[in-house]
Amino acid sequence: MENGHAYDHFRSEVHPALVSKLEEFHVLGYDSVSENELWKFLTRKKWKKTKGDIHIYEIIEDVLAVKVSDFISFTTIESYKTAEFSLDDENELKELLK
């Protein structure tokens, strides 16, 4: 599935909308969000199910409708999925339960 997303060909055309959304994130204090991270959120969460006949205005609408809270929730869940986490170490478990 890492071959690319069905909407990747729109990315250069919607670049101004992505930049606008990132500027909004920065105004709200989320300076570390990159364009690639935002695109990853859109392709893996928002556009998980693709439409064959989607129009560019729909893509732009989706980009501009991203909420910071949705993005942060997605990022948090993704970090939990990829984190090396084990409860095998008793000391780590005790530290976690403090």
PDB file of N, CA and C in Angstrom:
ATOM      1  N   MET A   1       0.814  -1.194   0.000  1.00  0.00           N
ATOM      2  CA  MET A   1       0.000   0.000   0.000  1.00  0.00           C
ATOM      3  C   MET A   1       0.856   1.256   0.000  1.00  0.00           C
ATOM      4  N   GLU A   2       2.156   1.115   0.133  1.00  0.00           N
ATOM      5  CA  GLU A   2       3.068   2.245   0.155  1.00  0.00           C
ATOM      6  C   GLU A   2       3.399   2.760  -1.249  1.00  0.00           C
ATOM      7  N   ASN A   3       2.717   2.285  -2.274  1.00  0.00           N
ATOM      8  CA  ASN A   3       2.986   2.710  -3.638  1.00  0.00           C
ATOM      9  C   ASN A   3       2.507   4.122  -3.918  1.00  0.00           C
ATOM     10  N   GLY A   4       1.752   4.685  -3.042  1.00  0.00           N
ATOM     11  CA  GLY A   4       1.216   6.017  -3.233  1.00  0.00           C
ATOM     12  C   GLY A   4      -0.290   5.985  -3.086  1.00  0.00           C
ATOM     13  N   HIS A   5      -0.828   7.153  -2.944  1.00  0.00           N
ATOM     14  CA  HIS A   5      -2.261   7.287  -2.747  1.00  0.00           C
ATOM     15  C   HIS A   5      -2.908   7.725  -4.057  1.00  0.00           C
ATOM     16  N   ALA A   6      -4.160   7.382  -4.216  1.00  0.00           N
ATOM     17  CA  ALA A   6      -4.883   7.711  -5.448  1.00  0.00           C
ATOM     18  C   ALA A   6      -4.961   9.220  -5.685  1.00  0.00           C
ATOM     19  N   TYR A   7      -4.870  10.014  -4.620  1.00  0.00           N
ATOM     20  CA  TYR A   7      -4.990  11.475  -4.772  1.00  0.00           C
ATOM     21  C   TYR A   7      -3.641  12.188  -4.817  1.00  0.00           C
ATOM     22  N   ASP A   8      -2.538  11.449  -4.817  1.00  0.00           N
ATOM     23  CA  ASP A   8      -1.215  12.078  -4.825  1.00  0.00           C
ATOM     24  C   ASP A   8      -1.004  12.995  -6.026  1.00  0.00           C
ATOM     25  N   HIS A   9      -1.654  12.707  -7.135  1.00  0.00           N
ATOM     26  CA  HIS A   9      -1.471  13.554  -8.325  1.00  0.00           C
ATOM     27  C   HIS A   9      -2.074  14.952  -8.141  1.00  0.00           C
ATOM     28  N   PHE A  10      -2.911  15.137  -7.122  1.00  0.00           N
ATOM     29  CA  PHE A  10      -3.478  16.458  -6.831  1.00  0.00           C
ATOM     30  C   PHE A  10      -2.560  17.316  -5.967  1.00  0.00           C
ATOM     31  N   ARG A  11      -1.557  16.707  -5.374  1.00  0.00           N
ATOM     32  CA  ARG A  11      -0.770  17.390  -4.343  1.00  0.00           C
ATOM     33  C   ARG A  11      -0.165  18.713  -4.808  1.00  0.00           C
ATOM     34  N   SER A  12       0.445  18.738  -5.973  1.00  0.00           N
ATOM     35  CA  SER A  12       1.064  19.993  -6.419  1.00  0.00           C
ATOM     36  C   SER A  12       0.014  21.066  -6.706  1.00  0.00           C
ATOM     37  N   GLU A  13      -1.151  20.653  -7.162  1.00  0.00           N
ATOM     38  CA  GLU A  13      -2.210  21.611  -7.459  1.00  0.00           C
ATOM     39  C   GLU A  13      -2.835  22.197  -6.195  1.00  0.00           C
ATOM     40  N   VAL A  14      -2.876  21.429  -5.127  1.00  0.00           N
ATOM     41  CA  VAL A  14      -3.493  21.904  -3.886  1.00  0.00           C
ATOM     42  C   VAL A  14      -2.451  22.428  -2.896  1.00  0.00           C
ATOM     43  N   HIS A  15      -1.226  22.562  -3.351  1.00  0.00           N
ATOM     44  CA  HIS A  15      -0.147  23.056  -2.491  1.00  0.00           C
ATOM     45  C   HIS A  15      -0.511  24.372  -1.789  1.00  0.00           C
ATOM     46  N   PRO A  16      -1.089  25.348  -2.474  1.00  0.00           N
ATOM     47  CA  PRO A  16      -1.461  26.590  -1.772  1.00  0.00           C
ATOM     48  C   PRO A  16      -2.446  26.358  -0.618  1.00  0.00           C
ATOM     49  N   ALA A  17      -3.364  25.435  -0.779  1.00  0.00           N
ATOM     50  CA  ALA A  17      -4.304  25.124   0.306  1.00  0.00           C
ATOM     51  C   ALA A  17      -3.576  24.463   1.474  1.00  0.00           C
ATOM     52  N   LEU A  18      -2.622  23.601   1.177  1.00  0.00           N
ATOM     53  CA  LEU A  18      -1.823  22.974   2.231  1.00  0.00           C
ATOM     54  C   LEU A  18      -1.025  24.022   3.002  1.00  0.00           C
ATOM     55  N   VAL A  19      -0.423  24.949   2.287  1.00  0.00           N
ATOM     56  CA  VAL A  19       0.353  26.020   2.920  1.00  0.00           C
ATOM     57  C   VAL A  19      -0.561  26.877   3.796  1.00  0.00           C
ATOM     58  N   SER A  20      -1.739  27.182   3.293  1.00  0.00           N
ATOM     59  CA  SER A  20      -2.700  27.970   4.061  1.00  0.00           C
ATOM     60  C   SER A  20      -3.093  27.258   5.358  1.00  0.00           C
ATOM     61  N   LYS A  21      -3.339  25.977   5.279  1.00  0.00           N
ATOM     62  CA  LYS A  21      -3.714  25.209   6.475  1.00  0.00           C
ATOM     63  C   LYS A  21      -2.552  25.149   7.456  1.00  0.00           C
ATOM     64  N   LEU A  22      -1.325  24.993   6.949  1.00  0.00           N
ATOM     65  CA  LEU A  22      -0.158  24.970   7.826  1.00  0.00           C
ATOM     66  C   LEU A  22       0.031  26.319   8.515  1.00  0.00           C
ATOM     67  N   GLU A  23      -0.241  27.411   7.805  1.00  0.00           N
ATOM     68  CA  GLU A  23      -0.159  28.738   8.419  1.00  0.00           C
ATOM     69  C   GLU A  23      -1.182  28.872   9.545  1.00  0.00           C
ATOM     70  N   GLU A  24      -2.363  28.317   9.340  1.00  0.00           N
ATOM     71  CA  GLU A  24      -3.379  28.315  10.395  1.00  0.00           C
ATOM     72  C   GLU A  24      -2.877  27.533  11.615  1.00  0.00           C
ATOM     73  N   PHE A  25      -2.279  26.365  11.376  1.00  0.00           N
ATOM     74  CA  PHE A  25      -1.716  25.570  12.460  1.00  0.00           C
ATOM     75  C   PHE A  25      -0.661  26.378  13.220  1.00  0.00           C
ATOM     76  N   HIS A  26       0.190  27.093  12.489  1.00  0.00           N
ATOM     77  CA  HIS A  26       1.264  27.865  13.103  1.00  0.00           C
ATOM     78  C   HIS A  26       0.701  28.999  13.958  1.00  0.00           C
ATOM     79  N   VAL A  27      -0.347  29.655  13.481  1.00  0.00           N
ATOM     80  CA  VAL A  27      -0.990  30.722  14.253  1.00  0.00           C
ATOM     81  C   VAL A  27      -1.533  30.166  15.572  1.00  0.00           C
ATOM     82  N   LEU A  28      -2.003  28.930  15.533  1.00  0.00           N
ATOM     83  CA  LEU A  28      -2.561  28.292  16.724  1.00  0.00           C
ATOM     84  C   LEU A  28      -1.489  27.661  17.617  1.00  0.00           C
ATOM     85  N   GLY A  29      -0.222  27.815  17.230  1.00  0.00           N
ATOM     86  CA  GLY A  29       0.881  27.343  18.066  1.00  0.00           C
ATOM     87  C   GLY A  29       1.465  25.997  17.690  1.00  0.00           C
ATOM     88  N   TYR A  30       1.043  25.435  16.595  1.00  0.00           N
ATOM     89  CA  TYR A  30       1.560  24.131  16.155  1.00  0.00           C
ATOM     90  C   TYR A  30       2.565  24.345  15.029  1.00  0.00           C
ATOM     91  N   ASP A  31       3.744  24.835  15.418  1.00  0.00           N
ATOM     92  CA  ASP A  31       4.779  25.206  14.449  1.00  0.00           C
ATOM     93  C   ASP A  31       5.515  24.027  13.847  1.00  0.00           C
ATOM     94  N   SER A  32       5.475  22.883  14.497  1.00  0.00           N
ATOM     95  CA  SER A  32       6.296  21.761  14.039  1.00  0.00           C
ATOM     96  C   SER A  32       5.602  20.878  13.002  1.00  0.00           C
ATOM     97  N   VAL A  33       4.368  21.178  12.651  1.00  0.00           N
ATOM     98  CA  VAL A  33       3.641  20.370  11.666  1.00  0.00           C
ATOM     99  C   VAL A  33       4.190  20.673  10.274  1.00  0.00           C
ATOM    100  N   SER A  34       4.526  19.617   9.540  1.00  0.00           N
ATOM    101  CA  SER A  34       5.062  19.802   8.189  1.00  0.00           C
ATOM    102  C   SER A  34       3.993  19.490   7.147  1.00  0.00           C
ATOM    103  N   GLU A  35       4.281  19.885   5.934  1.00  0.00           N
ATOM    104  CA  GLU A  35       3.365  19.606   4.825  1.00  0.00           C
ATOM    105  C   GLU A  35       3.225  18.095   4.609  1.00  0.00           C
ATOM    106  N   ASN A  36       4.322  17.371   4.739  1.00  0.00           N
ATOM    107  CA  ASN A  36       4.269  15.915   4.578  1.00  0.00           C
ATOM    108  C   ASN A  36       3.410  15.258   5.649  1.00  0.00           C
ATOM    109  N   GLU A  37       3.493  15.750   6.883  1.00  0.00           N
ATOM    110  CA  GLU A  37       2.670  15.202   7.956  1.00  0.00           C
ATOM    111  C   GLU A  37       1.186  15.479   7.713  1.00  0.00           C
ATOM    112  N   LEU A  38       0.889  16.675   7.236  1.00  0.00           N
ATOM    113  CA  LEU A  38      -0.500  17.014   6.926  1.00  0.00           C
ATOM    114  C   LEU A  38      -1.022  16.142   5.788  1.00  0.00           C
ATOM    115  N   TRP A  39      -0.219  15.955   4.762  1.00  0.00           N
ATOM    116  CA  TRP A  39      -0.623  15.108   3.632  1.00  0.00           C
ATOM    117  C   TRP A  39      -0.810  13.658   4.083  1.00  0.00           C
ATOM    118  N   LYS A  40       0.063  13.190   4.964  1.00  0.00           N
ATOM    119  CA  LYS A  40      -0.049  11.834   5.500  1.00  0.00           C
ATOM    120  C   LYS A  40      -1.370  11.675   6.248  1.00  0.00           C
ATOM    121  N   PHE A  41      -1.738  12.681   7.045  1.00  0.00           N
ATOM    122  CA  PHE A  41      -3.022  12.645   7.752  1.00  0.00           C
ATOM    123  C   PHE A  41      -4.179  12.546   6.763  1.00  0.00           C
ATOM    124  N   LEU A  42      -4.130  13.360   5.739  1.00  0.00           N
ATOM    125  CA  LEU A  42      -5.215  13.372   4.758  1.00  0.00           C
ATOM    126  C   LEU A  42      -5.329  12.033   4.040  1.00  0.00           C
ATOM    127  N   THR A  43      -4.207  11.477   3.611  1.00  0.00           N
ATOM    128  CA  THR A  43      -4.258  10.231   2.834  1.00  0.00           C
ATOM    129  C   THR A  43      -4.579   9.012   3.684  1.00  0.00           C
ATOM    130  N   ARG A  44      -4.148   9.023   4.939  1.00  0.00           N
ATOM    131  CA  ARG A  44      -4.365   7.844   5.781  1.00  0.00           C
ATOM    132  C   ARG A  44      -5.644   7.907   6.608  1.00  0.00           C
ATOM    133  N   LYS A  45      -6.138   9.104   6.857  1.00  0.00           N
ATOM    134  CA  LYS A  45      -7.326   9.228   7.696  1.00  0.00           C
ATOM    135  C   LYS A  45      -8.517   9.767   6.897  1.00  0.00           C
ATOM    136  N   LYS A  46      -8.368  10.965   6.372  1.00  0.00           N
ATOM    137  CA  LYS A  46      -9.487  11.632   5.697  1.00  0.00           C
ATOM    138  C   LYS A  46      -9.881  10.916   4.410  1.00  0.00           C
ATOM    139  N   TRP A  47      -8.890  10.506   3.643  1.00  0.00           N
ATOM    140  CA  TRP A  47      -9.147   9.871   2.350  1.00  0.00           C
ATOM    141  C   TRP A  47      -8.838   8.380   2.388  1.00  0.00           C
ATOM    142  N   LYS A  48      -9.124   7.749   3.485  1.00  0.00           N
ATOM    143  CA  LYS A  48      -8.884   6.309   3.601  1.00  0.00           C
ATOM    144  C   LYS A  48      -9.642   5.557   2.505  1.00  0.00           C
ATOM    145  N   LYS A  49     -10.873   5.994   2.281  1.00  0.00           N
ATOM    146  CA  LYS A  49     -11.672   5.449   1.181  1.00  0.00           C
ATOM    147  C   LYS A  49     -11.691   6.496   0.067  1.00  0.00           C
ATOM    148  N   THR A  50     -11.212   6.114  -1.079  1.00  0.00           N
ATOM    149  CA  THR A  50     -11.119   7.064  -2.189  1.00  0.00           C
ATOM    150  C   THR A  50     -12.357   6.997  -3.082  1.00  0.00           C
ATOM    151  N   LYS A  51     -12.581   8.123  -3.759  1.00  0.00           N
ATOM    152  CA  LYS A  51     -13.653   8.196  -4.755  1.00  0.00           C
ATOM    153  C   LYS A  51     -12.981   8.307  -6.124  1.00  0.00           C
ATOM    154  N   GLY A  52     -13.459   7.573  -7.073  1.00  0.00           N
ATOM    155  CA  GLY A  52     -12.856   7.590  -8.398  1.00  0.00           C
ATOM    156  C   GLY A  52     -13.105   8.873  -9.168  1.00  0.00           C
ATOM    157  N   ASP A  53     -14.210   9.538  -8.873  1.00  0.00           N
ATOM    158  CA  ASP A  53     -14.581  10.723  -9.640  1.00  0.00           C
ATOM    159  C   ASP A  53     -14.473  12.007  -8.816  1.00  0.00           C
ATOM    160  N   ILE A  54     -13.480  12.073  -7.937  1.00  0.00           N
ATOM    161  CA  ILE A  54     -13.328  13.251  -7.075  1.00  0.00           C
ATOM    162  C   ILE A  54     -12.786  14.426  -7.879  1.00  0.00           C
ATOM    163  N   HIS A  55     -13.229  15.616  -7.516  1.00  0.00           N
ATOM    164  CA  HIS A  55     -12.802  16.845  -8.180  1.00  0.00           C
ATOM    165  C   HIS A  55     -11.817  17.596  -7.294  1.00  0.00           C
ATOM    166  N   ILE A  56     -11.027  18.450  -7.908  1.00  0.00           N
ATOM    167  CA  ILE A  56      -9.999  19.172  -7.158  1.00  0.00           C
ATOM    168  C   ILE A  56     -10.608  20.071  -6.089  1.00  0.00           C
ATOM    169  N   TYR A  57     -11.782  20.646  -6.347  1.00  0.00           N
ATOM    170  CA  TYR A  57     -12.391  21.505  -5.332  1.00  0.00           C
ATOM    171  C   TYR A  57     -12.768  20.709  -4.089  1.00  0.00           C
ATOM    172  N   GLU A  58     -13.068  19.420  -4.243  1.00  0.00           N
ATOM    173  CA  GLU A  58     -13.373  18.579  -3.091  1.00  0.00           C
ATOM    174  C   GLU A  58     -12.111  18.299  -2.269  1.00  0.00           C
ATOM    175  N   ILE A  59     -11.004  18.119  -2.963  1.00  0.00           N
ATOM    176  CA  ILE A  59      -9.720  17.908  -2.295  1.00  0.00           C
ATOM    177  C   ILE A  59      -9.354  19.152  -1.488  1.00  0.00           C
ATOM    178  N   ILE A  60      -9.484  20.320  -2.116  1.00  0.00           N
ATOM    179  CA  ILE A  60      -9.167  21.581  -1.444  1.00  0.00           C
ATOM    180  C   ILE A  60     -10.088  21.794  -0.248  1.00  0.00           C
ATOM    181  N   GLU A  61     -11.355  21.498  -0.415  1.00  0.00           N
ATOM    182  CA  GLU A  61     -12.307  21.628   0.683  1.00  0.00           C
ATOM    183  C   GLU A  61     -11.904  20.751   1.862  1.00  0.00           C
ATOM    184  N   ASP A  62     -11.485  19.524   1.569  1.00  0.00           N
ATOM    185  CA  ASP A  62     -11.043  18.612   2.627  1.00  0.00           C
ATOM    186  C   ASP A  62      -9.801  19.145   3.340  1.00  0.00           C
ATOM    187  N   VAL A  63      -8.862  19.684   2.580  1.00  0.00           N
ATOM    188  CA  VAL A  63      -7.637  20.231   3.180  1.00  0.00           C
ATOM    189  C   VAL A  63      -7.986  21.378   4.117  1.00  0.00           C
ATOM    190  N   LEU A  64      -8.813  22.294   3.646  1.00  0.00           N
ATOM    191  CA  LEU A  64      -9.141  23.473   4.443  1.00  0.00           C
ATOM    192  C   LEU A  64     -10.040  23.155   5.633  1.00  0.00           C
ATOM    193  N   ALA A  65     -10.685  21.992   5.620  1.00  0.00           N
ATOM    194  CA  ALA A  65     -11.583  21.608   6.710  1.00  0.00           C
ATOM    195  C   ALA A  65     -10.875  20.840   7.830  1.00  0.00           C
ATOM    196  N   VAL A  66      -9.597  20.561   7.683  1.00  0.00           N
ATOM    197  CA  VAL A  66      -8.869  19.810   8.711  1.00  0.00           C
ATOM    198  C   VAL A  66      -8.863  20.600  10.008  1.00  0.00           C
ATOM    199  N   LYS A  67      -9.231  19.925  11.087  1.00  0.00           N
ATOM    200  CA  LYS A  67      -9.201  20.534  12.413  1.00  0.00           C
ATOM    201  C   LYS A  67      -7.923  20.115  13.112  1.00  0.00           C
ATOM    202  N   VAL A  68      -7.345  21.044  13.850  1.00  0.00           N
ATOM    203  CA  VAL A  68      -6.112  20.760  14.584  1.00  0.00           C
ATOM    204  C   VAL A  68      -6.318  19.569  15.511  1.00  0.00           C
ATOM    205  N   SER A  69      -7.452  19.517  16.178  1.00  0.00           N
ATOM    206  CA  SER A  69      -7.704  18.427  17.123  1.00  0.00           C
ATOM    207  C   SER A  69      -7.724  17.066  16.430  1.00  0.00           C
ATOM    208  N   ASP A  70      -8.287  17.002  15.230  1.00  0.00           N
ATOM    209  CA  ASP A  70      -8.300  15.744  14.478  1.00  0.00           C
ATOM    210  C   ASP A  70      -6.889  15.329  14.082  1.00  0.00           C
ATOM    211  N   PHE A  71      -6.113  16.309  13.648  1.00  0.00           N
ATOM    212  CA  PHE A  71      -4.735  16.034  13.253  1.00  0.00           C
ATOM    213  C   PHE A  71      -3.918  15.533  14.445  1.00  0.00           C
ATOM    214  N   ILE A  72      -4.044  16.196  15.585  1.00  0.00           N
ATOM    215  CA  ILE A  72      -3.288  15.817  16.776  1.00  0.00           C
ATOM    216  C   ILE A  72      -3.711  14.434  17.258  1.00  0.00           C
ATOM    217  N   SER A  73      -4.982  14.146  17.232  1.00  0.00           N
ATOM    218  CA  SER A  73      -5.464  12.813  17.637  1.00  0.00           C
ATOM    219  C   SER A  73      -4.877  11.732  16.739  1.00  0.00           C
ATOM    220  N   PHE A  74      -4.905  11.968  15.436  1.00  0.00           N
ATOM    221  CA  PHE A  74      -4.342  11.012  14.483  1.00  0.00           C
ATOM    222  C   PHE A  74      -2.853  10.806  14.739  1.00  0.00           C
ATOM    223  N   THR A  75      -2.131  11.886  14.927  1.00  0.00           N
ATOM    224  CA  THR A  75      -0.690  11.815  15.146  1.00  0.00           C
ATOM    225  C   THR A  75      -0.371  11.053  16.433  1.00  0.00           C
ATOM    226  N   THR A  76      -1.150  11.298  17.463  1.00  0.00           N
ATOM    227  CA  THR A  76      -0.950  10.605  18.735  1.00  0.00           C
ATOM    228  C   THR A  76      -1.173   9.104  18.577  1.00  0.00           C
ATOM    229  N   ILE A  77      -2.248   8.735  17.923  1.00  0.00           N
ATOM    230  CA  ILE A  77      -2.554   7.319  17.710  1.00  0.00           C
ATOM    231  C   ILE A  77      -1.479   6.658  16.857  1.00  0.00           C
ATOM    232  N   GLU A  78      -1.024   7.340  15.812  1.00  0.00           N
ATOM    233  CA  GLU A  78       0.038   6.799  14.966  1.00  0.00           C
ATOM    234  C   GLU A  78       1.326   6.597  15.755  1.00  0.00           C
ATOM    235  N   SER A  79       1.630   7.515  16.663  1.00  0.00           N
ATOM    236  CA  SER A  79       2.855   7.364  17.446  1.00  0.00           C
ATOM    237  C   SER A  79       2.743   6.176  18.397  1.00  0.00           C
ATOM    238  N   TYR A  80       1.548   5.932  18.930  1.00  0.00           N
ATOM    239  CA  TYR A  80       1.360   4.751  19.777  1.00  0.00           C
ATOM    240  C   TYR A  80       1.513   3.464  18.968  1.00  0.00           C
ATOM    241  N   LYS A  81       1.054   3.475  17.737  1.00  0.00           N
ATOM    242  CA  LYS A  81       1.147   2.289  16.893  1.00  0.00           C
ATOM    243  C   LYS A  81       2.592   1.931  16.573  1.00  0.00           C
ATOM    244  N   THR A  82       3.422   2.932  16.413  1.00  0.00           N
ATOM    245  CA  THR A  82       4.800   2.694  15.996  1.00  0.00           C
ATOM    246  C   THR A  82       5.784   2.663  17.153  1.00  0.00           C
ATOM    247  N   ALA A  83       5.347   3.008  18.353  1.00  0.00           N
ATOM    248  CA  ALA A  83       6.259   3.076  19.498  1.00  0.00           C
ATOM    249  C   ALA A  83       6.659   1.685  19.961  1.00  0.00           C
ATOM    250  N   GLU A  84       7.884   1.601  20.399  1.00  0.00           N
ATOM    251  CA  GLU A  84       8.380   0.378  21.016  1.00  0.00           C
ATOM    252  C   GLU A  84       7.881   0.403  22.453  1.00  0.00           C
ATOM    253  N   PHE A  85       6.891  -0.402  22.737  1.00  0.00           N
ATOM    254  CA  PHE A  85       6.285  -0.389  24.056  1.00  0.00           C
ATOM    255  C   PHE A  85       6.131  -1.811  24.539  1.00  0.00           C
ATOM    256  N   SER A  86       6.625  -2.053  25.736  1.00  0.00           N
ATOM    257  CA  SER A  86       6.546  -3.395  26.299  1.00  0.00           C
ATOM    258  C   SER A  86       6.310  -3.290  27.795  1.00  0.00           C
ATOM    259  N   LEU A  87       5.459  -4.144  28.295  1.00  0.00           N
ATOM    260  CA  LEU A  87       5.217  -4.200  29.735  1.00  0.00           C
ATOM    261  C   LEU A  87       5.986  -5.356  30.378  1.00  0.00           C
ATOM    262  N   ASP A  88       6.986  -5.845  29.685  1.00  0.00           N
ATOM    263  CA  ASP A  88       7.763  -6.961  30.201  1.00  0.00           C
ATOM    264  C   ASP A  88       8.669  -6.550  31.360  1.00  0.00           C
ATOM    265  N   ASP A  89       9.138  -5.317  31.334  1.00  0.00           N
ATOM    266  CA  ASP A  89      10.031  -4.827  32.377  1.00  0.00           C
ATOM    267  C   ASP A  89       9.192  -4.338  33.560  1.00  0.00           C
ATOM    268  N   GLU A  90       9.377  -4.963  34.707  1.00  0.00           N
ATOM    269  CA  GLU A  90       8.584  -4.625  35.894  1.00  0.00           C
ATOM    270  C   GLU A  90       8.825  -3.186  36.345  1.00  0.00           C
ATOM    271  N   ASN A  91      10.057  -2.695  36.228  1.00  0.00           N
ATOM    272  CA  ASN A  91      10.354  -1.312  36.619  1.00  0.00           C
ATOM    273  C   ASN A  91       9.634  -0.316  35.718  1.00  0.00           C
ATOM    274  N   GLU A  92       9.578  -0.593  34.424  1.00  0.00           N
ATOM    275  CA  GLU A  92       8.854   0.288  33.505  1.00  0.00           C
ATOM    276  C   GLU A  92       7.372   0.303  33.833  1.00  0.00           C
ATOM    277  N   LEU A  93       6.827  -0.840  34.170  1.00  0.00           N
ATOM    278  CA  LEU A  93       5.410  -0.942  34.525  1.00  0.00           C
ATOM    279  C   LEU A  93       5.122  -0.125  35.785  1.00  0.00           C
ATOM    280  N   LYS A  94       5.981  -0.235  36.783  1.00  0.00           N
ATOM    281  CA  LYS A  94       5.792   0.539  38.021  1.00  0.00           C
ATOM    282  C   LYS A  94       5.884   2.039  37.746  1.00  0.00           C
ATOM    283  N   GLU A  95       6.818   2.430  36.885  1.00  0.00           N
ATOM    284  CA  GLU A  95       6.977   3.833  36.533  1.00  0.00           C
ATOM    285  C   GLU A  95       5.748   4.351  35.805  1.00  0.00           C
ATOM    286  N   LEU A  96       5.202   3.542  34.942  1.00  0.00           N
ATOM    287  CA  LEU A  96       4.015   3.918  34.198  1.00  0.00           C
ATOM    288  C   LEU A  96       2.802   4.077  35.100  1.00  0.00           C
ATOM    289  N   LEU A  97       2.714   3.255  36.116  1.00  0.00           N
ATOM    290  CA  LEU A  97       1.538   3.259  37.001  1.00  0.00           C
ATOM    291  C   LEU A  97       1.649   4.266  38.153  1.00  0.00           C
ATOM    292  N   LYS A  98       2.712   5.028  38.227  1.00  0.00           N
ATOM    293  CA  LYS A  98       2.864   6.038  39.294  1.00  0.00           C
ATOM    294  C   LYS A  98       1.805   7.093  39.191  1.00  0.00           C
TER     295      LYS A  98
END
